[in-house]
């Protein structure tokens, strides 16, 4: 279950930032692509289990799933690729190149303001 490893790595990163700022984290936002996707239920459960007894216990987790991106070879527009209609959203060309998938990133950490 790769969500558990990701949860532990996220908690480690959040705890480092919490220590730097001397504040308690209350919310994090994680983004991922389609190939680096996280199962929200599994990740939430893993995060809850791994964070028990740490400053991250009770932190709200938000996951943003980023769509595949493609670049049209005709008009050079970059667009979100709809798998059901694989064509450029600007010129409707079906000649495009897939861009690299969005990585798994810890986007934001919100701390408790005192």
N, C-alpha and C. Protein backbone atom coordinates (compact mmCIF):
# COMPACT_ATOMS: atom_id res chain seq x y z
N UNK A 1 0.85 -1.17 0.00
CA UNK A 1 0.00 0.00 0.00
C UNK A 1 0.90 1.24 0.00
N UNK A 2 1.04 1.88 -1.15
CA UNK A 2 1.96 3.02 -1.25
C UNK A 2 1.43 4.25 -0.53
N UNK A 3 0.12 4.31 -0.25
CA UNK A 3 -0.44 5.45 0.49
C UNK A 3 0.15 5.58 1.89
N UNK A 4 0.48 4.46 2.52
CA UNK A 4 1.06 4.51 3.86
C UNK A 4 2.46 5.13 3.83
N UNK A 5 3.25 4.77 2.85
CA UNK A 5 4.60 5.33 2.70
C UNK A 5 4.50 6.83 2.41
N UNK A 6 3.56 7.20 1.52
CA UNK A 6 3.36 8.61 1.18
C UNK A 6 2.90 9.38 2.42
N UNK A 7 1.98 8.80 3.19
CA UNK A 7 1.49 9.45 4.41
C UNK A 7 2.64 9.70 5.38
N UNK A 8 3.51 8.71 5.57
CA UNK A 8 4.64 8.87 6.48
C UNK A 8 5.57 9.97 5.99
N UNK A 9 5.85 10.01 4.69
CA UNK A 9 6.72 11.05 4.14
C UNK A 9 6.09 12.43 4.29
N UNK A 10 4.79 12.54 4.07
CA UNK A 10 4.10 13.83 4.23
C UNK A 10 4.15 14.28 5.69
N UNK A 11 3.91 13.37 6.58
CA UNK A 11 3.94 13.70 8.01
C UNK A 11 5.33 14.17 8.41
N UNK A 12 6.36 13.49 7.94
CA UNK A 12 7.73 13.91 8.23
C UNK A 12 7.99 15.33 7.75
N UNK A 13 7.55 15.64 6.52
CA UNK A 13 7.75 16.98 5.96
C UNK A 13 6.96 18.03 6.74
N UNK A 14 5.73 17.71 7.09
CA UNK A 14 4.89 18.65 7.85
C UNK A 14 5.48 18.90 9.23
N UNK A 15 5.96 17.85 9.88
CA UNK A 15 6.55 18.00 11.21
C UNK A 15 7.82 18.87 11.17
N UNK A 16 8.61 18.74 10.10
CA UNK A 16 9.79 19.60 9.95
C UNK A 16 9.38 21.07 9.85
N UNK A 17 8.35 21.35 9.05
CA UNK A 17 7.88 22.72 8.90
C UNK A 17 7.25 23.24 10.19
N UNK A 18 6.52 22.39 10.88
CA UNK A 18 5.89 22.78 12.15
C UNK A 18 6.96 23.15 13.17
N UNK A 19 8.04 22.39 13.18
CA UNK A 19 9.15 22.67 14.10
C UNK A 19 9.80 24.01 13.77
N UNK A 20 9.99 24.29 12.46
CA UNK A 20 10.59 25.57 12.04
C UNK A 20 9.75 26.76 12.47
N UNK A 21 8.42 26.62 12.36
CA UNK A 21 7.51 27.73 12.63
C UNK A 21 6.94 27.70 14.06
N UNK A 22 7.26 26.64 14.80
CA UNK A 22 6.75 26.46 16.17
C UNK A 22 5.22 26.61 16.21
N UNK A 23 4.56 25.95 15.27
CA UNK A 23 3.10 26.00 15.19
C UNK A 23 2.55 24.61 14.92
N UNK A 24 1.27 24.44 15.27
CA UNK A 24 0.60 23.16 15.04
C UNK A 24 -0.07 23.18 13.67
N UNK A 25 0.18 22.15 12.85
CA UNK A 25 -0.49 22.07 11.55
C UNK A 25 -1.96 21.68 11.75
N UNK A 26 -2.84 22.25 10.91
CA UNK A 26 -4.26 21.90 11.00
C UNK A 26 -4.82 21.39 9.67
N UNK A 27 -4.15 21.73 8.56
CA UNK A 27 -4.63 21.30 7.25
C UNK A 27 -3.46 21.22 6.28
N UNK A 28 -3.50 20.19 5.41
CA UNK A 28 -2.52 20.12 4.34
C UNK A 28 -3.26 19.91 3.01
N UNK A 29 -2.62 20.36 1.95
CA UNK A 29 -3.14 20.11 0.60
C UNK A 29 -2.06 19.39 -0.18
N UNK A 30 -2.44 18.26 -0.77
CA UNK A 30 -1.55 17.43 -1.56
C UNK A 30 -2.11 17.40 -2.98
N UNK A 31 -1.23 17.50 -3.98
CA UNK A 31 -1.70 17.34 -5.35
C UNK A 31 -0.97 16.16 -5.99
N UNK A 32 -1.64 15.54 -6.95
CA UNK A 32 -1.05 14.39 -7.64
C UNK A 32 -1.61 14.30 -9.04
N UNK A 33 -0.85 13.68 -9.91
CA UNK A 33 -1.29 13.45 -11.28
C UNK A 33 -2.11 12.18 -11.37
N UNK A 34 -2.38 11.77 -12.57
CA UNK A 34 -3.18 10.57 -12.81
C UNK A 34 -2.38 9.29 -12.61
N UNK A 35 -1.10 9.33 -12.93
CA UNK A 35 -0.27 8.13 -12.76
C UNK A 35 0.32 8.05 -11.36
N UNK A 36 0.38 9.19 -10.67
CA UNK A 36 0.87 9.24 -9.29
C UNK A 36 -0.30 9.40 -8.32
N UNK A 37 -1.45 8.92 -8.70
CA UNK A 37 -2.68 9.16 -7.95
C UNK A 37 -2.68 8.50 -6.58
N UNK A 38 -3.39 9.15 -5.66
CA UNK A 38 -3.62 8.61 -4.33
C UNK A 38 -5.10 8.25 -4.20
N UNK A 39 -5.37 7.13 -3.58
CA UNK A 39 -6.74 6.79 -3.23
C UNK A 39 -7.07 7.60 -1.98
N UNK A 40 -8.05 8.50 -2.07
CA UNK A 40 -8.33 9.42 -0.97
C UNK A 40 -8.70 8.71 0.32
N UNK A 41 -9.54 7.67 0.24
CA UNK A 41 -9.95 6.96 1.45
C UNK A 41 -8.77 6.24 2.10
N UNK A 42 -7.99 5.55 1.29
CA UNK A 42 -6.84 4.80 1.81
C UNK A 42 -5.81 5.76 2.38
N UNK A 43 -5.52 6.85 1.64
CA UNK A 43 -4.54 7.81 2.13
C UNK A 43 -5.01 8.46 3.42
N UNK A 44 -6.29 8.85 3.49
CA UNK A 44 -6.83 9.45 4.72
C UNK A 44 -6.70 8.52 5.91
N UNK A 45 -7.02 7.24 5.70
CA UNK A 45 -6.90 6.25 6.77
C UNK A 45 -5.44 6.10 7.19
N UNK A 46 -4.56 5.96 6.20
CA UNK A 46 -3.12 5.79 6.50
C UNK A 46 -2.59 7.01 7.24
N UNK A 47 -2.97 8.21 6.79
CA UNK A 47 -2.51 9.43 7.44
C UNK A 47 -2.98 9.47 8.89
N UNK A 48 -4.24 9.12 9.12
CA UNK A 48 -4.78 9.11 10.49
C UNK A 48 -4.01 8.14 11.38
N UNK A 49 -3.73 6.95 10.86
CA UNK A 49 -3.03 5.92 11.66
C UNK A 49 -1.60 6.35 11.95
N UNK A 50 -0.88 6.78 10.91
CA UNK A 50 0.54 7.11 11.06
C UNK A 50 0.73 8.38 11.90
N UNK A 51 -0.25 9.29 11.86
CA UNK A 51 -0.09 10.56 12.58
C UNK A 51 -0.45 10.48 14.06
N UNK A 52 -1.00 9.35 14.50
CA UNK A 52 -1.40 9.24 15.91
C UNK A 52 -0.21 9.50 16.82
N UNK A 53 -0.44 10.37 17.82
CA UNK A 53 0.59 10.69 18.80
C UNK A 53 1.57 11.75 18.33
N UNK A 54 1.35 12.33 17.15
CA UNK A 54 2.23 13.39 16.64
C UNK A 54 1.44 14.70 16.55
N UNK A 55 2.14 15.78 16.24
CA UNK A 55 1.47 17.07 16.02
C UNK A 55 0.52 17.02 14.83
N UNK A 56 0.67 16.04 13.97
CA UNK A 56 -0.17 15.92 12.78
C UNK A 56 -1.49 15.19 13.05
N UNK A 57 -1.65 14.69 14.25
CA UNK A 57 -2.90 13.99 14.57
C UNK A 57 -4.06 14.97 14.44
N UNK A 58 -5.08 14.58 13.66
CA UNK A 58 -6.25 15.42 13.46
C UNK A 58 -6.14 16.42 12.32
N UNK A 59 -5.01 16.43 11.61
CA UNK A 59 -4.83 17.35 10.49
C UNK A 59 -5.81 16.99 9.37
N UNK A 60 -6.45 18.00 8.80
CA UNK A 60 -7.36 17.80 7.67
C UNK A 60 -6.52 17.66 6.40
N UNK A 61 -6.83 16.65 5.60
CA UNK A 61 -6.08 16.37 4.38
C UNK A 61 -6.97 16.63 3.16
N UNK A 62 -6.46 17.45 2.24
CA UNK A 62 -7.15 17.72 0.98
C UNK A 62 -6.26 17.21 -0.15
N UNK A 63 -6.85 16.47 -1.09
CA UNK A 63 -6.10 15.94 -2.23
C UNK A 63 -6.69 16.52 -3.51
N UNK A 64 -5.81 17.10 -4.33
CA UNK A 64 -6.22 17.62 -5.63
C UNK A 64 -5.63 16.70 -6.71
N UNK A 65 -6.52 16.13 -7.52
CA UNK A 65 -6.09 15.26 -8.61
C UNK A 65 -5.97 16.12 -9.87
N UNK A 66 -4.76 16.23 -10.38
CA UNK A 66 -4.51 17.05 -11.58
C UNK A 66 -4.70 16.19 -12.83
N UNK A 67 -5.37 16.74 -13.84
CA UNK A 67 -5.62 15.96 -15.06
C UNK A 67 -4.36 15.83 -15.92
N UNK A 68 -4.42 14.87 -16.86
CA UNK A 68 -3.36 14.78 -17.86
C UNK A 68 -3.34 16.08 -18.66
N UNK A 69 -2.16 16.53 -19.04
CA UNK A 69 -2.01 17.70 -19.89
C UNK A 69 -1.43 17.23 -21.22
N UNK A 70 -1.83 17.93 -22.28
CA UNK A 70 -1.31 17.63 -23.61
C UNK A 70 -1.03 18.94 -24.32
N UNK A 71 -0.16 18.88 -25.33
CA UNK A 71 0.11 20.05 -26.14
C UNK A 71 -0.23 19.71 -27.59
N UNK A 72 -1.06 20.56 -28.17
CA UNK A 72 -1.49 20.37 -29.55
C UNK A 72 -0.31 20.59 -30.49
N UNK A 73 -0.15 19.69 -31.43
CA UNK A 73 0.94 19.83 -32.39
C UNK A 73 0.57 20.77 -33.55
N UNK A 74 -0.72 21.13 -33.64
CA UNK A 74 -1.16 22.05 -34.69
C UNK A 74 -1.14 23.51 -34.21
N UNK A 75 -1.86 23.79 -33.10
CA UNK A 75 -1.96 25.18 -32.63
C UNK A 75 -1.07 25.47 -31.42
N UNK A 76 -0.40 24.44 -30.88
CA UNK A 76 0.56 24.56 -29.78
C UNK A 76 -0.06 24.95 -28.44
N UNK A 77 -1.38 24.86 -28.32
CA UNK A 77 -2.04 25.11 -27.04
C UNK A 77 -1.78 23.94 -26.10
N UNK A 78 -1.63 24.24 -24.81
CA UNK A 78 -1.57 23.21 -23.78
C UNK A 78 -2.97 23.11 -23.18
N UNK A 79 -3.46 21.89 -23.01
CA UNK A 79 -4.84 21.71 -22.54
C UNK A 79 -4.95 20.48 -21.65
N UNK A 80 -6.02 20.46 -20.82
CA UNK A 80 -6.34 19.29 -20.02
C UNK A 80 -6.92 18.24 -20.95
N UNK A 81 -6.36 17.06 -20.93
CA UNK A 81 -6.79 16.00 -21.84
C UNK A 81 -7.99 15.27 -21.27
N UNK A 82 -9.05 15.22 -22.04
CA UNK A 82 -10.24 14.45 -21.70
C UNK A 82 -10.10 13.10 -22.40
N UNK A 83 -9.95 12.04 -21.64
CA UNK A 83 -9.72 10.71 -22.22
C UNK A 83 -10.89 10.30 -23.12
N UNK A 84 -12.10 10.75 -22.80
CA UNK A 84 -13.27 10.38 -23.60
C UNK A 84 -13.32 11.15 -24.93
N UNK A 85 -12.70 12.33 -24.99
CA UNK A 85 -12.63 13.13 -26.22
C UNK A 85 -11.20 13.63 -26.38
N UNK A 86 -10.30 12.75 -26.82
CA UNK A 86 -8.88 13.12 -26.89
C UNK A 86 -8.58 14.03 -28.09
N UNK A 87 -8.84 15.30 -27.89
CA UNK A 87 -8.54 16.29 -28.92
C UNK A 87 -8.28 17.64 -28.29
N UNK A 88 -7.61 18.50 -29.02
CA UNK A 88 -7.30 19.85 -28.54
C UNK A 88 -8.59 20.61 -28.27
N UNK A 89 -8.66 21.26 -27.14
CA UNK A 89 -9.86 22.01 -26.80
C UNK A 89 -9.95 23.33 -27.57
N UNK A 90 -8.85 23.78 -28.16
CA UNK A 90 -8.85 25.04 -28.92
C UNK A 90 -9.21 24.82 -30.39
N UNK A 91 -8.57 23.83 -31.02
CA UNK A 91 -8.77 23.66 -32.48
C UNK A 91 -9.36 22.30 -32.86
N UNK A 92 -9.62 21.45 -31.86
CA UNK A 92 -10.20 20.12 -32.04
C UNK A 92 -9.30 19.14 -32.80
N UNK A 93 -8.04 19.46 -32.93
CA UNK A 93 -7.10 18.54 -33.57
C UNK A 93 -6.88 17.32 -32.68
N UNK A 94 -6.68 16.18 -33.31
CA UNK A 94 -6.35 14.98 -32.53
C UNK A 94 -4.86 14.66 -32.61
N UNK A 95 -4.10 15.66 -33.02
CA UNK A 95 -2.64 15.53 -33.08
C UNK A 95 -2.05 16.29 -31.89
N UNK A 96 -1.64 15.54 -30.87
CA UNK A 96 -1.12 16.17 -29.66
C UNK A 96 -0.06 15.29 -29.02
N UNK A 97 0.68 15.88 -28.12
CA UNK A 97 1.71 15.16 -27.36
C UNK A 97 1.36 15.25 -25.89
N UNK A 98 1.40 14.11 -25.21
CA UNK A 98 1.16 14.11 -23.76
C UNK A 98 2.31 14.77 -23.03
N UNK A 99 1.98 15.59 -22.06
CA UNK A 99 2.98 16.22 -21.21
C UNK A 99 3.28 15.27 -20.04
N UNK A 100 4.39 15.48 -19.34
CA UNK A 100 4.67 14.63 -18.17
C UNK A 100 3.54 14.75 -17.13
N UNK A 101 3.27 13.65 -16.49
CA UNK A 101 2.23 13.63 -15.46
C UNK A 101 2.64 14.51 -14.28
N UNK A 102 1.66 15.12 -13.65
CA UNK A 102 1.93 15.96 -12.48
C UNK A 102 2.50 15.10 -11.35
N UNK A 103 3.52 15.59 -10.67
CA UNK A 103 4.12 14.81 -9.57
C UNK A 103 3.25 14.89 -8.32
N UNK A 104 3.58 14.06 -7.39
CA UNK A 104 2.95 14.07 -6.07
C UNK A 104 3.64 15.15 -5.24
N UNK A 105 2.88 16.16 -4.81
CA UNK A 105 3.48 17.32 -4.13
C UNK A 105 2.68 17.70 -2.90
N UNK A 106 3.38 18.05 -1.84
CA UNK A 106 2.76 18.69 -0.68
C UNK A 106 2.66 20.17 -1.02
N UNK A 107 1.46 20.63 -1.38
CA UNK A 107 1.26 22.00 -1.89
C UNK A 107 1.19 23.04 -0.78
N UNK A 108 0.45 22.74 0.28
CA UNK A 108 0.21 23.74 1.32
C UNK A 108 0.18 23.07 2.70
N UNK A 109 0.59 23.86 3.67
CA UNK A 109 0.42 23.48 5.07
C UNK A 109 -0.20 24.68 5.76
N UNK A 110 -1.33 24.46 6.40
CA UNK A 110 -1.98 25.54 7.16
C UNK A 110 -1.72 25.27 8.65
N UNK A 111 -1.28 26.31 9.33
CA UNK A 111 -0.98 26.18 10.75
C UNK A 111 -2.03 26.89 11.59
N UNK A 112 -2.17 26.46 12.80
CA UNK A 112 -3.08 27.08 13.77
C UNK A 112 -2.53 28.45 14.12
N UNK A 113 -3.35 29.47 13.90
CA UNK A 113 -2.94 30.84 14.26
C UNK A 113 -3.34 31.09 15.70
N UNK A 114 -2.40 31.63 16.45
CA UNK A 114 -2.69 31.89 17.87
C UNK A 114 -2.96 33.35 18.11
